[in-house]
Amino acid sequence: MLIKNPGLRSTLIKKAITITPQTGILDAIEVIQKYRIGRLVVIDRTRKPIGIITEKDMLKALYPLDSKPIGSIRVGDLMSKNLITVTKKDSVYRCAKIMKDNNISSVIVLHDDGNLDGILTKTDLVFNFLNQESTPLKISKIMTTKVVTVSQKDSLFLVESMLINNKISRVVVVQNQKPIGIITYRDFIPARIPNRLGTYTDPNELRDMWYNPHPNQFNINQLSYVLTFKAEDIMTKNPVTIEDSDDVSMAALVMYRYGISGIPVVKQSKLVGIVTKSDIVFALAEEA
């Protein structure tokens, strides 16, 4: 796949929404909901970037895994201090390779003096893909075939456990091998389900369940009195899908048009894979 003009253009760099490490985690959640973004850049008093905090970090804060009240948790308690940065001199290919090698979804862009310029995300790289000529590449060549799925009646606790333990950003809800819904981290935050769980059960019991990579159905049933919410309650119904024979450029267009990061891939209406922004960025990284 040959993509021309690999340089990092200024139009790809977005203004970063910033926050301070002293900001409360609940206030930070309100900011990402307001702007519908997945991360905030943390700055110090001189406005230099010192960290980054994501939706995933915030979701974890909602769980009663210790005795610290959620109202007392600050951004500085959860932010990642290991910043991965680039400058405008870096190419699109290098940025894609950095994201792939570090398993991250964004890089912070700095001016030559070290001050914050903006942020570059996988979304921006997908947009770049749309604006460059490339040789055809079938979705079947880059999609993930082992898709983590749930049923619409599965508990939210089980769904979240699968997200965390499989280190993924979304699960597909299926019925008769057909995708009928999709759930991402963003779907959980408004629900604040963990706070309800924490009200009715022992935090130690939840912790043991949460971090078990193979949840025991018997133990889950023991907690059934608090697991009243199901996947169908928060899933995005009738998700956009794409055929495995379609071109990657079509997937990029669909992601950009609908503002989504992953698309279930079907063949004759049956789920056969999933393609994400990461897959497209990794394809770019191969060119590096």
C-alpha atoms as a PDB file:
ATOM      1  CA  MET A   1       0.000   0.000   0.000  1.00  0.00           C
ATOM      2  CA  LEU A   2       1.701   3.208  -1.178  1.00  0.00           C
ATOM      3  CA  ILE A   3       0.554   6.448   0.388  1.00  0.00           C
ATOM      4  CA  LYS A   4       1.923   9.733  -0.893  1.00  0.00           C
ATOM      5  CA  ASN A   5       2.796  12.883   1.038  1.00  0.00           C
ATOM      6  CA  PRO A   6       3.561  11.302   4.433  1.00  0.00           C
ATOM      7  CA  GLY A   7       4.422  14.590   6.130  1.00  0.00           C
ATOM      8  CA  LEU A   8       2.625  15.677   9.318  1.00  0.00           C
ATOM      9  CA  ARG A   9       0.413  18.580   8.231  1.00  0.00           C
ATOM     10  CA  SER A  10      -0.728  21.289  10.633  1.00  0.00           C
ATOM     11  CA  THR A  11      -4.348  20.567   9.692  1.00  0.00           C
ATOM     12  CA  LEU A  12      -4.049  17.125  11.291  1.00  0.00           C
ATOM     13  CA  ILE A  13      -3.056  18.534  14.687  1.00  0.00           C
ATOM     14  CA  LYS A  14      -6.037  19.268  16.924  1.00  0.00           C
ATOM     15  CA  LYS A  15      -6.240  21.678  19.811  1.00  0.00           C
ATOM     16  CA  ALA A  16      -5.853  19.729  23.042  1.00  0.00           C
ATOM     17  CA  ILE A  17      -8.463  20.093  25.761  1.00  0.00           C
ATOM     18  CA  THR A  18      -6.408  20.590  28.905  1.00  0.00           C
ATOM     19  CA  ILE A  19      -6.926  20.111  32.606  1.00  0.00           C
ATOM     20  CA  THR A  20      -4.829  20.438  35.752  1.00  0.00           C
ATOM     21  CA  PRO A  21      -3.739  17.584  38.040  1.00  0.00           C
ATOM     22  CA  GLN A  22      -5.726  19.154  40.908  1.00  0.00           C
ATOM     23  CA  THR A  23      -9.036  18.833  39.022  1.00  0.00           C
ATOM     24  CA  GLY A  24     -11.499  16.371  40.565  1.00  0.00           C
ATOM     25  CA  ILE A  25     -12.153  13.205  38.595  1.00  0.00           C
ATOM     26  CA  LEU A  26     -15.907  13.862  38.419  1.00  0.00           C
ATOM     27  CA  ASP A  27     -15.249  17.293  36.903  1.00  0.00           C
ATOM     28  CA  ALA A  28     -12.893  15.678  34.377  1.00  0.00           C
ATOM     29  CA  ILE A  29     -15.631  13.213  33.409  1.00  0.00           C
ATOM     30  CA  GLU A  30     -17.989  16.110  32.744  1.00  0.00           C
ATOM     31  CA  VAL A  31     -15.395  17.693  30.441  1.00  0.00           C
ATOM     32  CA  ILE A  32     -14.928  14.593  28.279  1.00  0.00           C
ATOM     33  CA  GLN A  33     -18.696  14.145  28.077  1.00  0.00           C
ATOM     34  CA  LYS A  34     -19.145  17.769  27.050  1.00  0.00           C
ATOM     35  CA  TYR A  35     -16.587  17.607  24.255  1.00  0.00           C
ATOM     36  CA  ARG A  36     -17.164  13.912  23.434  1.00  0.00           C
ATOM     37  CA  ILE A  37     -13.453  13.130  23.464  1.00  0.00           C
ATOM     38  CA  GLY A  38     -11.463  10.202  24.785  1.00  0.00           C
ATOM     39  CA  ARG A  39      -8.631  11.948  26.605  1.00  0.00           C
ATOM     40  CA  LEU A  40      -7.470  15.138  28.303  1.00  0.00           C
ATOM     41  CA  VAL A  41      -3.967  16.566  28.397  1.00  0.00           C
ATOM     42  CA  VAL A  42      -2.807  17.479  31.899  1.00  0.00           C
ATOM     43  CA  ILE A  43      -0.785  20.685  32.189  1.00  0.00           C
ATOM     44  CA  ASP A  44       1.169  22.405  34.958  1.00  0.00           C
ATOM     45  CA  ARG A  45       1.050  26.064  35.966  1.00  0.00           C
ATOM     46  CA  THR A  46       3.300  27.031  33.046  1.00  0.00           C
ATOM     47  CA  ARG A  47       0.869  25.223  30.688  1.00  0.00           C
ATOM     48  CA  LYS A  48       3.434  22.590  29.785  1.00  0.00           C
ATOM     49  CA  PRO A  49       2.067  19.050  29.397  1.00  0.00           C
ATOM     50  CA  ILE A  50       2.880  16.738  32.309  1.00  0.00           C
ATOM     51  CA  GLY A  51       0.405  13.906  31.789  1.00  0.00           C
ATOM     52  CA  ILE A  52      -2.601  12.492  29.989  1.00  0.00           C
ATOM     53  CA  ILE A  53      -5.801  10.894  31.295  1.00  0.00           C
ATOM     54  CA  THR A  54      -8.212   8.777  29.262  1.00  0.00           C
ATOM     55  CA  GLU A  55     -11.786   7.556  29.492  1.00  0.00           C
ATOM     56  CA  LYS A  56     -10.469   4.182  30.603  1.00  0.00           C
ATOM     57  CA  ASP A  57      -8.601   5.765  33.499  1.00  0.00           C
ATOM     58  CA  MET A  58     -11.757   7.590  34.561  1.00  0.00           C
ATOM     59  CA  LEU A  59     -13.921   4.500  34.315  1.00  0.00           C
ATOM     60  CA  LYS A  60     -11.636   2.655  36.708  1.00  0.00           C
ATOM     61  CA  ALA A  61     -12.005   5.509  39.188  1.00  0.00           C
ATOM     62  CA  LEU A  62     -15.740   4.882  39.365  1.00  0.00           C
ATOM     63  CA  TYR A  63     -15.209   1.450  40.910  1.00  0.00           C
ATOM     64  CA  PRO A  64     -15.095   1.003  44.689  1.00  0.00           C
ATOM     65  CA  LEU A  65     -11.745  -0.792  44.666  1.00  0.00           C
ATOM     66  CA  ASP A  66     -10.502   0.991  47.784  1.00  0.00           C
ATOM     67  CA  SER A  67     -11.825   3.114  50.584  1.00  0.00           C
ATOM     68  CA  LYS A  68     -11.011   6.440  48.929  1.00  0.00           C
ATOM     69  CA  PRO A  69     -14.218   8.402  48.174  1.00  0.00           C
ATOM     70  CA  ILE A  70     -14.581   9.168  44.494  1.00  0.00           C
ATOM     71  CA  GLY A  71     -15.140  12.831  45.291  1.00  0.00           C
ATOM     72  CA  SER A  72     -11.605  13.076  46.639  1.00  0.00           C
ATOM     73  CA  ILE A  73      -9.886  11.497  43.622  1.00  0.00           C
ATOM     74  CA  ARG A  74      -7.924  13.962  41.500  1.00  0.00           C
ATOM     75  CA  VAL A  75      -6.731  13.786  37.909  1.00  0.00           C
ATOM     76  CA  GLY A  76      -3.149  13.650  39.192  1.00  0.00           C
ATOM     77  CA  ASP A  77      -3.946  10.380  40.994  1.00  0.00           C
ATOM     78  CA  LEU A  78      -4.804   8.567  37.758  1.00  0.00           C
ATOM     79  CA  MET A  79      -3.036  10.323  34.899  1.00  0.00           C
ATOM     80  CA  SER A  80      -0.246   8.696  32.915  1.00  0.00           C
ATOM     81  CA  LYS A  81       2.999  10.608  33.357  1.00  0.00           C
ATOM     82  CA  ASN A  82       4.833   8.702  30.630  1.00  0.00           C
ATOM     83  CA  LEU A  83       4.162  11.171  27.829  1.00  0.00           C
ATOM     84  CA  ILE A  84       4.844  10.173  24.239  1.00  0.00           C
ATOM     85  CA  THR A  85       5.499  13.327  22.227  1.00  0.00           C
ATOM     86  CA  VAL A  86       6.297  14.360  18.653  1.00  0.00           C
ATOM     87  CA  THR A  87       6.830  17.601  16.753  1.00  0.00           C
ATOM     88  CA  LYS A  88       5.579  18.885  13.415  1.00  0.00           C
ATOM     89  CA  LYS A  89       8.795  17.641  11.869  1.00  0.00           C
ATOM     90  CA  ASP A  90       7.714  14.047  12.428  1.00  0.00           C
ATOM     91  CA  SER A  91       5.964  12.232   9.607  1.00  0.00           C
ATOM     92  CA  VAL A  92       2.536  10.618   9.633  1.00  0.00           C
ATOM     93  CA  TYR A  93       4.263   7.255   9.281  1.00  0.00           C
ATOM     94  CA  ARG A  94       6.470   7.822  12.314  1.00  0.00           C
ATOM     95  CA  CYS A  95       3.489   8.923  14.407  1.00  0.00           C
ATOM     96  CA  ALA A  96       1.592   5.802  13.354  1.00  0.00           C
ATOM     97  CA  LYS A  97       4.563   3.606  14.241  1.00  0.00           C
ATOM     98  CA  ILE A  98       4.919   5.313  17.646  1.00  0.00           C
ATOM     99  CA  MET A  99       1.242   4.651  18.398  1.00  0.00           C
ATOM    100  CA  LYS A 100       1.597   1.028  17.353  1.00  0.00           C
ATOM    101  CA  ASP A 101       4.830   0.388  19.247  1.00  0.00           C
ATOM    102  CA  ASN A 102       3.526   1.987  22.436  1.00  0.00           C
ATOM    103  CA  ASN A 103      -0.060   0.695  22.122  1.00  0.00           C
ATOM    104  CA  ILE A 104      -1.521   4.180  22.492  1.00  0.00           C
ATOM    105  CA  SER A 105      -4.260   6.120  20.707  1.00  0.00           C
ATOM    106  CA  SER A 106      -2.671   9.562  20.605  1.00  0.00           C
ATOM    107  CA  VAL A 107       0.577  11.484  20.772  1.00  0.00           C
ATOM    108  CA  ILE A 108       1.116  14.976  22.159  1.00  0.00           C
ATOM    109  CA  VAL A 109       2.565  17.457  19.666  1.00  0.00           C
ATOM    110  CA  LEU A 110       5.085  19.949  21.059  1.00  0.00           C
ATOM    111  CA  HIS A 111       6.566  23.145  19.729  1.00  0.00           C
ATOM    112  CA  ASP A 112      10.333  23.217  19.424  1.00  0.00           C
ATOM    113  CA  ASP A 113      10.508  25.019  22.795  1.00  0.00           C
ATOM    114  CA  GLY A 114       8.680  22.164  24.525  1.00  0.00           C
ATOM    115  CA  ASN A 115       5.350  23.963  24.891  1.00  0.00           C
ATOM    116  CA  LEU A 116       2.091  22.292  23.910  1.00  0.00           C
ATOM    117  CA  ASP A 117       1.140  22.580  20.249  1.00  0.00           C
ATOM    118  CA  GLY A 118      -1.772  20.121  20.135  1.00  0.00           C
ATOM    119  CA  ILE A 119      -2.652  16.458  19.968  1.00  0.00           C
ATOM    120  CA  LEU A 120      -2.669  13.898  17.175  1.00  0.00           C
ATOM    121  CA  THR A 121      -5.022  10.907  17.507  1.00  0.00           C
ATOM    122  CA  LYS A 122      -5.796   7.777  15.550  1.00  0.00           C
ATOM    123  CA  THR A 123      -8.869   9.594  14.267  1.00  0.00           C
ATOM    124  CA  ASP A 124      -6.603  12.188  12.668  1.00  0.00           C
ATOM    125  CA  LEU A 125      -4.499   9.491  11.053  1.00  0.00           C
ATOM    126  CA  VAL A 126      -7.621   7.825   9.651  1.00  0.00           C
ATOM    127  CA  PHE A 127      -8.631  11.202   8.219  1.00  0.00           C
ATOM    128  CA  ASN A 128      -5.165  11.431   6.652  1.00  0.00           C
ATOM    129  CA  PHE A 129      -5.724   7.981   5.125  1.00  0.00           C
ATOM    130  CA  LEU A 130      -8.857   9.284   3.402  1.00  0.00           C
ATOM    131  CA  ASN A 131      -6.973  12.182   1.872  1.00  0.00           C
ATOM    132  CA  GLN A 132      -4.123  10.149   0.413  1.00  0.00           C
ATOM    133  CA  GLU A 133      -4.071   7.934  -2.629  1.00  0.00           C
ATOM    134  CA  SER A 134      -3.443   4.311  -1.811  1.00  0.00           C
ATOM    135  CA  THR A 135      -3.491   0.964  -3.531  1.00  0.00           C
ATOM    136  CA  PRO A 136      -6.556  -1.198  -2.733  1.00  0.00           C
ATOM    137  CA  LEU A 137      -6.431  -3.129   0.519  1.00  0.00           C
ATOM    138  CA  LYS A 138      -9.236  -5.452   1.602  1.00  0.00           C
ATOM    139  CA  ILE A 139     -10.602  -5.212   5.110  1.00  0.00           C
ATOM    140  CA  SER A 140     -10.153  -8.973   5.473  1.00  0.00           C
ATOM    141  CA  LYS A 141      -6.389  -8.383   5.326  1.00  0.00           C
ATOM    142  CA  ILE A 142      -6.219  -6.151   8.415  1.00  0.00           C
ATOM    143  CA  MET A 143      -9.309  -6.989  10.494  1.00  0.00           C
ATOM    144  CA  THR A 144      -9.212  -8.865  13.793  1.00  0.00           C
ATOM    145  CA  THR A 145     -10.946 -12.220  13.379  1.00  0.00           C
ATOM    146  CA  LYS A 146     -11.116 -13.180  17.062  1.00  0.00           C
ATOM    147  CA  VAL A 147     -13.880 -10.856  18.222  1.00  0.00           C
ATOM    148  CA  VAL A 148     -14.857 -10.637  21.887  1.00  0.00           C
ATOM    149  CA  THR A 149     -18.642 -10.902  21.980  1.00  0.00           C
ATOM    150  CA  VAL A 150     -21.433 -10.915  24.543  1.00  0.00           C
ATOM    151  CA  SER A 151     -25.152 -11.544  24.470  1.00  0.00           C
ATOM    152  CA  GLN A 152     -27.729  -8.852  25.100  1.00  0.00           C
ATOM    153  CA  LYS A 153     -28.705 -10.471  28.418  1.00  0.00           C
ATOM    154  CA  ASP A 154     -25.171 -10.563  29.843  1.00  0.00           C
ATOM    155  CA  SER A 155     -24.613  -8.415  32.928  1.00  0.00           C
ATOM    156  CA  LEU A 156     -22.753  -5.133  32.620  1.00  0.00           C
ATOM    157  CA  PHE A 157     -20.349  -6.355  35.247  1.00  0.00           C
ATOM    158  CA  LEU A 158     -19.363  -9.258  33.006  1.00  0.00           C
ATOM    159  CA  VAL A 159     -19.121  -6.985  29.951  1.00  0.00           C
ATOM    160  CA  GLU A 160     -16.801  -4.556  31.750  1.00  0.00           C
ATOM    161  CA  SER A 161     -14.697  -7.394  33.087  1.00  0.00           C
ATOM    162  CA  MET A 162     -14.221  -8.641  29.523  1.00  0.00           C
ATOM    163  CA  LEU A 163     -13.185  -5.179  28.353  1.00  0.00           C
ATOM    164  CA  ILE A 164     -10.598  -4.817  31.095  1.00  0.00           C
ATOM    165  CA  ASN A 165      -9.160  -8.326  31.033  1.00  0.00           C
ATOM    166  CA  ASN A 166      -8.963  -8.530  27.237  1.00  0.00           C
ATOM    167  CA  LYS A 167      -7.502  -5.011  27.052  1.00  0.00           C
ATOM    168  CA  ILE A 168      -9.954  -3.957  24.371  1.00  0.00           C
ATOM    169  CA  SER A 169     -12.079  -0.852  23.822  1.00  0.00           C
ATOM    170  CA  ARG A 170     -15.322  -2.445  22.614  1.00  0.00           C
ATOM    171  CA  VAL A 171     -17.344  -5.638  22.615  1.00  0.00           C
ATOM    172  CA  VAL A 172     -19.879  -6.703  20.010  1.00  0.00           C
ATOM    173  CA  VAL A 173     -23.312  -7.857  21.137  1.00  0.00           C
ATOM    174  CA  VAL A 174     -24.451 -10.780  19.003  1.00  0.00           C
ATOM    175  CA  GLN A 175     -27.573 -12.836  18.443  1.00  0.00           C
ATOM    176  CA  ASN A 176     -27.497 -15.868  16.135  1.00  0.00           C
ATOM    177  CA  GLN A 177     -23.972 -14.847  15.059  1.00  0.00           C
ATOM    178  CA  LYS A 178     -25.249 -11.486  13.866  1.00  0.00           C
ATOM    179  CA  PRO A 179     -24.123  -8.179  15.422  1.00  0.00           C
ATOM    180  CA  ILE A 180     -27.063  -6.410  17.071  1.00  0.00           C
ATOM    181  CA  GLY A 181     -25.173  -3.946  19.247  1.00  0.00           C
ATOM    182  CA  ILE A 182     -21.806  -2.608  20.335  1.00  0.00           C
ATOM    183  CA  ILE A 183     -20.558  -1.388  23.724  1.00  0.00           C
ATOM    184  CA  THR A 184     -17.566   0.870  24.400  1.00  0.00           C
ATOM    185  CA  TYR A 185     -16.088   2.448  27.516  1.00  0.00           C
ATOM    186  CA  ARG A 186     -17.970   5.651  26.791  1.00  0.00           C
ATOM    187  CA  ASP A 187     -21.281   3.833  27.235  1.00  0.00           C
ATOM    188  CA  PHE A 188     -20.471   3.013  30.850  1.00  0.00           C
ATOM    189  CA  ILE A 189     -19.455   6.397  32.195  1.00  0.00           C
ATOM    190  CA  PRO A 190     -22.873   8.118  32.091  1.00  0.00           C
ATOM    191  CA  ALA A 191     -24.508   5.078  33.659  1.00  0.00           C
ATOM    192  CA  ARG A 192     -22.321   5.254  36.768  1.00  0.00           C
ATOM    193  CA  ILE A 193     -23.235   1.613  37.373  1.00  0.00           C
ATOM    194  CA  PRO A 194     -20.166   0.956  39.564  1.00  0.00           C
ATOM    195  CA  ASN A 195     -21.408   3.420  42.170  1.00  0.00           C
ATOM    196  CA  ARG A 196     -24.616   1.419  42.458  1.00  0.00           C
ATOM    197  CA  LEU A 197     -22.631  -1.780  42.843  1.00  0.00           C
ATOM    198  CA  GLY A 198     -20.516  -0.204  45.545  1.00  0.00           C
ATOM    199  CA  THR A 199     -23.635   0.723  47.492  1.00  0.00           C
ATOM    200  CA  TYR A 200     -24.882  -2.830  47.783  1.00  0.00           C
ATOM    201  CA  THR A 201     -21.920  -5.157  47.955  1.00  0.00           C
ATOM    202  CA  ASP A 202     -18.496  -5.738  49.483  1.00  0.00           C
ATOM    203  CA  PRO A 203     -15.672  -3.908  47.608  1.00  0.00           C
ATOM    204  CA  ASN A 204     -13.315  -6.838  48.253  1.00  0.00           C
ATOM    205  CA  GLU A 205     -15.791  -9.221  46.648  1.00  0.00           C
ATOM    206  CA  LEU A 206     -16.051  -6.949  43.623  1.00  0.00           C
ATOM    207  CA  ARG A 207     -12.279  -6.637  43.373  1.00  0.00           C
ATOM    208  CA  ASP A 208     -11.805 -10.417  43.295  1.00  0.00           C
ATOM    209  CA  MET A 209     -14.443 -10.736  40.581  1.00  0.00           C
ATOM    210  CA  TRP A 210     -13.295  -7.742  38.556  1.00  0.00           C
ATOM    211  CA  TYR A 211      -9.695  -8.814  38.110  1.00  0.00           C
ATOM    212  CA  ASN A 212     -10.420 -12.455  37.407  1.00  0.00           C
ATOM    213  CA  PRO A 213      -9.647 -13.012  33.680  1.00  0.00           C
ATOM    214  CA  HIS A 214     -12.059 -15.963  33.648  1.00  0.00           C
ATOM    215  CA  PRO A 215     -15.125 -14.930  35.670  1.00  0.00           C
ATOM    216  CA  ASN A 216     -16.839 -17.865  37.333  1.00  0.00           C
ATOM    217  CA  GLN A 217     -20.512 -17.965  36.438  1.00  0.00           C
ATOM    218  CA  PHE A 218     -21.408 -19.334  39.877  1.00  0.00           C
ATOM    219  CA  ASN A 219     -19.710 -16.375  41.586  1.00  0.00           C
ATOM    220  CA  ILE A 220     -21.391 -13.981  39.182  1.00  0.00           C
ATOM    221  CA  ASN A 221     -24.737 -15.511  40.101  1.00  0.00           C
ATOM    222  CA  GLN A 222     -23.911 -14.941  43.751  1.00  0.00           C
ATOM    223  CA  LEU A 223     -23.822 -11.230  42.950  1.00  0.00           C
ATOM    224  CA  SER A 224     -26.966 -11.344  40.838  1.00  0.00           C
ATOM    225  CA  TYR A 225     -28.860  -9.190  43.292  1.00  0.00           C
ATOM    226  CA  VAL A 226     -26.755  -6.218  42.206  1.00  0.00           C
ATOM    227  CA  LEU A 227     -26.328  -7.208  38.560  1.00  0.00           C
ATOM    228  CA  THR A 228     -29.693  -5.958  37.385  1.00  0.00           C
ATOM    229  CA  PHE A 229     -28.370  -4.065  34.377  1.00  0.00           C
ATOM    230  CA  LYS A 230     -27.734  -5.901  31.118  1.00  0.00           C
ATOM    231  CA  ALA A 231     -25.750  -5.286  27.953  1.00  0.00           C
ATOM    232  CA  GLU A 232     -28.934  -4.392  26.102  1.00  0.00           C
ATOM    233  CA  ASP A 233     -29.533  -1.489  28.500  1.00  0.00           C
ATOM    234  CA  ILE A 234     -26.562   0.557  27.272  1.00  0.00           C
ATOM    235  CA  MET A 235     -25.487  -0.933  23.931  1.00  0.00           C
ATOM    236  CA  THR A 236     -25.657   1.030  20.710  1.00  0.00           C
ATOM    237  CA  LYS A 237     -28.273  -0.902  18.773  1.00  0.00           C
ATOM    238  CA  ASN A 238     -28.060  -1.836  15.089  1.00  0.00           C
ATOM    239  CA  PRO A 239     -24.372  -0.910  14.743  1.00  0.00           C
ATOM    240  CA  VAL A 240     -22.931   0.125  11.406  1.00  0.00           C
ATOM    241  CA  THR A 241     -21.282  -2.879   9.752  1.00  0.00           C
ATOM    242  CA  ILE A 242     -19.030  -3.424   6.783  1.00  0.00           C
ATOM    243  CA  GLU A 243     -18.323  -6.363   4.473  1.00  0.00           C
ATOM    244  CA  ASP A 244     -15.009  -8.190   4.703  1.00  0.00           C
ATOM    245  CA  SER A 245     -14.547  -7.724   0.941  1.00  0.00           C
ATOM    246  CA  ASP A 246     -14.789  -3.920   1.150  1.00  0.00           C
ATOM    247  CA  ASP A 247     -11.719  -1.724   0.872  1.00  0.00           C
ATOM    248  CA  VAL A 248      -9.999  -0.240   3.921  1.00  0.00           C
ATOM    249  CA  SER A 249     -10.706   3.230   2.555  1.00  0.00           C
ATOM    250  CA  MET A 250     -14.424   2.474   2.940  1.00  0.00           C
ATOM    251  CA  ALA A 251     -13.888   1.581   6.608  1.00  0.00           C
ATOM    252  CA  ALA A 252     -11.986   4.828   7.116  1.00  0.00           C
ATOM    253  CA  LEU A 253     -14.814   6.797   5.504  1.00  0.00           C
ATOM    254  CA  VAL A 254     -17.462   5.106   7.660  1.00  0.00           C
ATOM    255  CA  MET A 255     -15.464   5.753  10.838  1.00  0.00           C
ATOM    256  CA  TYR A 256     -14.988   9.392   9.959  1.00  0.00           C
ATOM    257  CA  ARG A 257     -18.597   9.922   8.875  1.00  0.00           C
ATOM    258  CA  TYR A 258     -20.174   8.294  11.937  1.00  0.00           C
ATOM    259  CA  GLY A 259     -17.548   9.307  14.478  1.00  0.00           C
ATOM    260  CA  ILE A 260     -16.816   5.742  15.532  1.00  0.00           C
ATOM    261  CA  SER A 261     -13.602   3.845  16.208  1.00  0.00           C
ATOM    262  CA  GLY A 262     -14.539   0.274  15.373  1.00  0.00           C
ATOM    263  CA  ILE A 263     -16.828  -1.505  12.909  1.00  0.00           C
ATOM    264  CA  PRO A 264     -18.095  -5.104  13.060  1.00  0.00           C
ATOM    265  CA  VAL A 265     -17.164  -6.918   9.851  1.00  0.00           C
ATOM    266  CA  VAL A 266     -19.740  -9.267   8.360  1.00  0.00           C
ATOM    267  CA  LYS A 267     -19.994 -11.827   5.604  1.00  0.00           C
ATOM    268  CA  GLN A 268     -23.519 -12.702   4.530  1.00  0.00           C
ATOM    269  CA  SER A 269     -24.749 -10.845   7.631  1.00  0.00           C
ATOM    270  CA  LYS A 270     -22.710 -13.091  10.000  1.00  0.00           C
ATOM    271  CA  LEU A 271     -19.986 -11.594  12.187  1.00  0.00           C
ATOM    272  CA  VAL A 272     -16.512 -12.575  10.951  1.00  0.00           C
ATOM    273  CA  GLY A 273     -14.304  -9.873  12.458  1.00  0.00           C
ATOM    274  CA  ILE A 274     -13.878  -6.300  13.586  1.00  0.00           C
ATOM    275  CA  VAL A 275     -11.850  -3.473  12.096  1.00  0.00           C
ATOM    276  CA  THR A 276     -10.718  -0.515  14.176  1.00  0.00           C
ATOM    277  CA  LYS A 277      -8.821   2.714  13.814  1.00  0.00           C
ATOM    278  CA  SER A 278      -5.883   0.865  15.319  1.00  0.00           C
ATOM    279  CA  ASP A 279      -5.896  -1.583  12.409  1.00  0.00           C
ATOM    280  CA  ILE A 280      -5.772   1.288   9.919  1.00  0.00           C
ATOM    281  CA  VAL A 281      -3.030   3.053  11.869  1.00  0.00           C
ATOM    282  CA  PHE A 282      -1.059  -0.195  11.997  1.00  0.00           C
ATOM    283  CA  ALA A 283      -1.380  -0.450   8.215  1.00  0.00           C
ATOM    284  CA  LEU A 284       0.105   3.029   8.021  1.00  0.00           C
ATOM    285  CA  ALA A 285       2.824   2.014  10.457  1.00  0.00           C
ATOM    286  CA  GLU A 286       3.855  -0.808   8.138  1.00  0.00           C
ATOM    287  CA  GLU A 287       4.832   1.865   5.640  1.00  0.00           C
ATOM    288  CA  ALA A 288       7.244   3.338   8.191  1.00  0.00           C
END
